[in-house]
């Protein structure tokens, strides 16, 4: 491990001390064609940052939202990552959170996207069909930040440089002052819905072999 990685230079100090940042308990299989593993893993925010590439508002908003969806589907607190599929907006942040926490992937037909705006997930347990939808409270994320994000492509290179710096600061301030001090249930709403999973239109789909024999004793 390099010194820079050891210092976690890419990890927000505020996130490290955020009191309500979710921690996920997950269950997986033990090998490529194996049964359920006996142990339970913990997934922390830093794991998602490493997977995604950086800490950002979308990543943490996705974590908050997904924590409620998974809590609803697994009230005992242990998430079975062999039994999930999800939909979200086609956002790098939301998609990465969903893929990491559910193991849903387009190539196995367990991840899909819709053009619906905002922070939301539809998450389904494959074995039972139980499906929940979680949505961020309207107006929680500032319109000022959304407007700046949408204006970036129209700016000159000089304006863009200044705007990217300003935007990052606004996003970090919002995380520090609004998201991190709050509990997920304060600004995210989860409900059970009737939902039929449609086949994901991807011609290269394969079979996920690492869950075929999970119930073998």
Protein backbone atom coordinates (compact mmCIF):
# COMPACT_ATOMS: atom_id res chain seq x y z
CA UNK A 1 0.00 0.00 0.00
CA UNK A 2 1.38 3.41 -0.90
CA UNK A 3 1.70 6.18 1.62
CA UNK A 4 -0.93 8.21 -0.23
CA UNK A 5 -3.39 5.32 -0.10
CA UNK A 6 -2.60 4.75 3.55
CA UNK A 7 -3.54 8.34 4.26
CA UNK A 8 -6.82 7.92 2.36
CA UNK A 9 -6.27 11.20 0.57
CA UNK A 10 -9.37 10.56 -1.54
CA UNK A 11 -11.71 10.04 1.41
CA UNK A 12 -13.67 12.89 2.98
CA UNK A 13 -12.94 13.63 6.63
CA UNK A 14 -16.59 14.57 7.09
CA UNK A 15 -17.69 11.22 5.71
CA UNK A 16 -15.44 9.40 8.16
CA UNK A 17 -17.24 11.02 11.07
CA UNK A 18 -20.77 11.08 9.58
CA UNK A 19 -22.93 9.54 12.33
CA UNK A 20 -25.58 7.95 10.11
CA UNK A 21 -23.55 6.76 7.13
CA UNK A 22 -24.89 3.24 6.50
CA UNK A 23 -22.85 0.11 7.09
CA UNK A 24 -24.08 -2.96 5.20
CA UNK A 25 -23.94 -6.59 6.33
CA UNK A 26 -23.87 -8.89 3.30
CA UNK A 27 -23.95 -12.59 2.55
CA UNK A 28 -22.32 -14.12 -0.53
CA UNK A 29 -21.20 -17.51 -1.80
CA UNK A 30 -17.79 -18.99 -1.02
CA UNK A 31 -16.46 -19.73 -4.52
CA UNK A 32 -17.14 -19.61 -8.25
CA UNK A 33 -19.48 -22.63 -8.01
CA UNK A 34 -19.91 -22.73 -4.28
CA UNK A 35 -22.45 -22.84 -1.53
CA UNK A 36 -23.31 -19.97 0.77
CA UNK A 37 -20.35 -18.72 2.77
CA UNK A 38 -20.69 -19.14 6.51
CA UNK A 39 -19.37 -15.69 7.27
CA UNK A 40 -20.92 -12.24 6.89
CA UNK A 41 -19.05 -9.28 5.38
CA UNK A 42 -19.32 -5.63 6.27
CA UNK A 43 -19.39 -2.97 3.55
CA UNK A 44 -18.47 0.56 4.57
CA UNK A 45 -18.58 3.83 2.70
CA UNK A 46 -14.86 3.70 1.93
CA UNK A 47 -15.42 0.41 0.06
CA UNK A 48 -17.88 2.11 -2.24
CA UNK A 49 -15.56 5.09 -2.74
CA UNK A 50 -12.76 2.75 -3.83
CA UNK A 51 -15.11 0.95 -6.22
CA UNK A 52 -16.61 4.13 -7.66
CA UNK A 53 -13.43 6.19 -7.77
CA UNK A 54 -14.26 9.21 -5.61
CA UNK A 55 -16.55 10.45 -2.83
CA UNK A 56 -19.41 12.56 -4.20
CA UNK A 57 -22.95 13.57 -3.39
CA UNK A 58 -24.46 11.01 -5.76
CA UNK A 59 -22.53 8.16 -4.17
CA UNK A 60 -23.62 9.04 -0.64
CA UNK A 61 -27.21 9.78 -1.65
CA UNK A 62 -27.30 6.36 -3.29
CA UNK A 63 -25.96 4.74 -0.12
CA UNK A 64 -28.62 6.42 2.01
CA UNK A 65 -31.39 5.40 -0.37
CA UNK A 66 -30.19 1.84 -0.88
CA UNK A 67 -29.83 1.30 2.88
CA UNK A 68 -33.59 1.72 3.30
CA UNK A 69 -34.45 -0.50 0.35
CA UNK A 70 -32.23 -3.32 1.61
CA UNK A 71 -33.43 -2.93 5.17
CA UNK A 72 -37.00 -3.39 3.93
CA UNK A 73 -36.10 -6.50 1.93
CA UNK A 74 -33.88 -8.00 4.65
CA UNK A 75 -35.28 -6.97 8.04
CA UNK A 76 -32.84 -9.27 9.84
CA UNK A 77 -30.08 -6.94 8.68
CA UNK A 78 -28.11 -9.37 6.49
CA UNK A 79 -28.35 -8.68 2.74
CA UNK A 80 -28.26 -11.74 0.47
CA UNK A 81 -26.31 -10.47 -2.53
CA UNK A 82 -27.09 -13.65 -4.50
CA UNK A 83 -30.80 -12.81 -4.68
CA UNK A 84 -31.15 -9.23 -5.90
CA UNK A 85 -31.73 -7.15 -9.00
CA UNK A 86 -32.28 -3.42 -9.32
CA UNK A 87 -33.15 -0.46 -11.51
CA UNK A 88 -31.96 3.13 -11.24
CA UNK A 89 -31.35 6.20 -13.32
CA UNK A 90 -28.36 5.77 -15.62
CA UNK A 91 -26.07 7.61 -13.24
CA UNK A 92 -22.47 6.54 -12.63
CA UNK A 93 -22.92 7.11 -8.91
CA UNK A 94 -26.30 5.45 -8.41
CA UNK A 95 -25.48 2.58 -10.73
CA UNK A 96 -22.22 1.81 -8.93
CA UNK A 97 -23.85 1.87 -5.50
CA UNK A 98 -26.60 -0.44 -6.71
CA UNK A 99 -24.21 -2.83 -8.45
CA UNK A 100 -21.83 -3.08 -5.50
CA UNK A 101 -24.49 -3.58 -2.84
CA UNK A 102 -26.78 -5.94 -4.78
CA UNK A 103 -24.29 -7.57 -7.18
CA UNK A 104 -26.79 -6.72 -9.92
CA UNK A 105 -25.16 -6.51 -13.36
CA UNK A 106 -26.45 -5.89 -16.85
CA UNK A 107 -24.57 -8.87 -18.24
CA UNK A 108 -26.54 -11.21 -15.97
CA UNK A 109 -29.87 -9.45 -16.51
CA UNK A 110 -30.06 -8.20 -12.92
CA UNK A 111 -29.41 -4.50 -13.49
CA UNK A 112 -31.29 -2.09 -15.70
CA UNK A 113 -31.85 1.65 -16.08
CA UNK A 114 -34.71 4.02 -16.79
CA UNK A 115 -34.66 7.67 -17.90
CA UNK A 116 -36.65 8.82 -14.86
CA UNK A 117 -34.78 11.71 -13.16
CA UNK A 118 -33.74 11.97 -9.53
CA UNK A 119 -32.35 9.63 -6.90
CA UNK A 120 -34.38 6.45 -6.76
CA UNK A 121 -34.07 2.67 -6.85
CA UNK A 122 -36.38 -0.22 -7.53
CA UNK A 123 -34.93 -3.31 -5.86
CA UNK A 124 -36.35 -6.83 -6.08
CA UNK A 125 -35.62 -10.12 -4.34
CA UNK A 126 -35.53 -12.70 -7.09
CA UNK A 127 -36.61 -15.63 -4.89
CA UNK A 128 -39.76 -13.98 -3.55
CA UNK A 129 -40.54 -11.25 -6.06
CA UNK A 130 -40.88 -8.75 -3.21
CA UNK A 131 -40.04 -5.35 -4.65
CA UNK A 132 -39.47 -2.00 -3.02
CA UNK A 133 -39.03 1.50 -4.39
CA UNK A 134 -37.00 4.13 -2.56
CA UNK A 135 -37.08 7.79 -3.57
CA UNK A 136 -35.26 10.89 -2.37
CA UNK A 137 -37.46 13.64 -0.95
CA UNK A 138 -38.18 16.30 -3.55
CA UNK A 139 -36.28 19.51 -2.88
CA UNK A 140 -33.75 17.93 -0.52
CA UNK A 141 -30.93 18.33 -3.03
CA UNK A 142 -30.51 22.02 -3.94
CA UNK A 143 -31.75 23.29 -7.29
CA UNK A 144 -28.70 25.58 -7.43
CA UNK A 145 -26.37 22.59 -7.65
CA UNK A 146 -28.51 20.79 -10.23
CA UNK A 147 -28.64 23.93 -12.38
CA UNK A 148 -24.86 24.33 -12.25
CA UNK A 149 -24.36 20.68 -13.24
CA UNK A 150 -26.63 21.11 -16.26
CA UNK A 151 -24.90 24.35 -17.35
CA UNK A 152 -21.38 22.90 -17.46
CA UNK A 153 -21.52 21.72 -21.12
CA UNK A 154 -22.49 25.23 -22.30
CA UNK A 155 -19.58 27.07 -20.67
CA UNK A 156 -16.29 28.21 -22.17
CA UNK A 157 -13.14 26.42 -21.03
CA UNK A 158 -12.23 29.22 -18.61
CA UNK A 159 -15.75 29.38 -17.21
CA UNK A 160 -15.86 25.60 -16.99
CA UNK A 161 -12.66 25.49 -14.93
CA UNK A 162 -14.06 27.93 -12.39
CA UNK A 163 -17.47 26.27 -12.36
CA UNK A 164 -16.08 22.77 -11.72
CA UNK A 165 -14.21 24.09 -8.67
CA UNK A 166 -17.26 25.92 -7.38
CA UNK A 167 -19.53 22.96 -8.03
CA UNK A 168 -17.34 20.57 -6.06
CA UNK A 169 -17.32 22.94 -3.11
CA UNK A 170 -21.12 23.33 -3.20
CA UNK A 171 -21.56 19.56 -3.30
CA UNK A 172 -19.19 19.04 -0.38
CA UNK A 173 -20.88 21.78 1.66
CA UNK A 174 -24.27 20.17 1.07
CA UNK A 175 -22.98 16.79 2.19
CA UNK A 176 -21.42 18.27 5.31
CA UNK A 177 -24.37 20.45 6.30
CA UNK A 178 -27.40 18.53 5.03
CA UNK A 179 -26.91 14.86 4.23
CA UNK A 180 -24.36 13.67 6.80
CA UNK A 181 -26.18 15.10 9.86
CA UNK A 182 -29.43 13.39 8.81
CA UNK A 183 -30.72 9.84 9.07
CA UNK A 184 -31.67 8.05 5.82
CA UNK A 185 -35.36 7.89 6.75
CA UNK A 186 -35.54 11.67 7.16
CA UNK A 187 -35.20 12.38 3.42
CA UNK A 188 -35.70 9.02 1.67
CA UNK A 189 -38.98 7.13 1.47
CA UNK A 190 -39.30 3.40 0.81
CA UNK A 191 -42.45 1.48 -0.06
CA UNK A 192 -43.34 -1.97 -1.32
CA UNK A 193 -44.69 -2.03 -4.87
CA UNK A 194 -46.12 -4.51 -7.35
CA UNK A 195 -43.52 -4.91 -10.04
CA UNK A 196 -42.84 -7.35 -12.86
CA UNK A 197 -39.18 -7.53 -13.80
CA UNK A 198 -38.75 -7.16 -17.55
CA UNK A 199 -35.99 -9.01 -19.38
CA UNK A 200 -32.94 -6.78 -19.77
CA UNK A 201 -32.34 -6.15 -23.51
CA UNK A 202 -28.67 -7.09 -23.67
CA UNK A 203 -27.71 -9.71 -26.22
CA UNK A 204 -24.51 -10.79 -24.46
CA UNK A 205 -26.14 -11.85 -21.19
CA UNK A 206 -24.59 -14.84 -19.45
CA UNK A 207 -25.31 -17.10 -16.50
CA UNK A 208 -24.02 -16.17 -13.09
CA UNK A 209 -22.43 -19.45 -12.03
CA UNK A 210 -21.32 -18.36 -8.57
CA UNK A 211 -24.87 -18.59 -7.18
CA UNK A 212 -26.14 -21.77 -8.87
CA UNK A 213 -25.11 -24.05 -6.02
CA UNK A 214 -25.53 -21.73 -3.06
CA UNK A 215 -28.05 -24.01 -1.32
CA UNK A 216 -25.88 -27.14 -1.48
CA UNK A 217 -25.32 -28.47 2.03
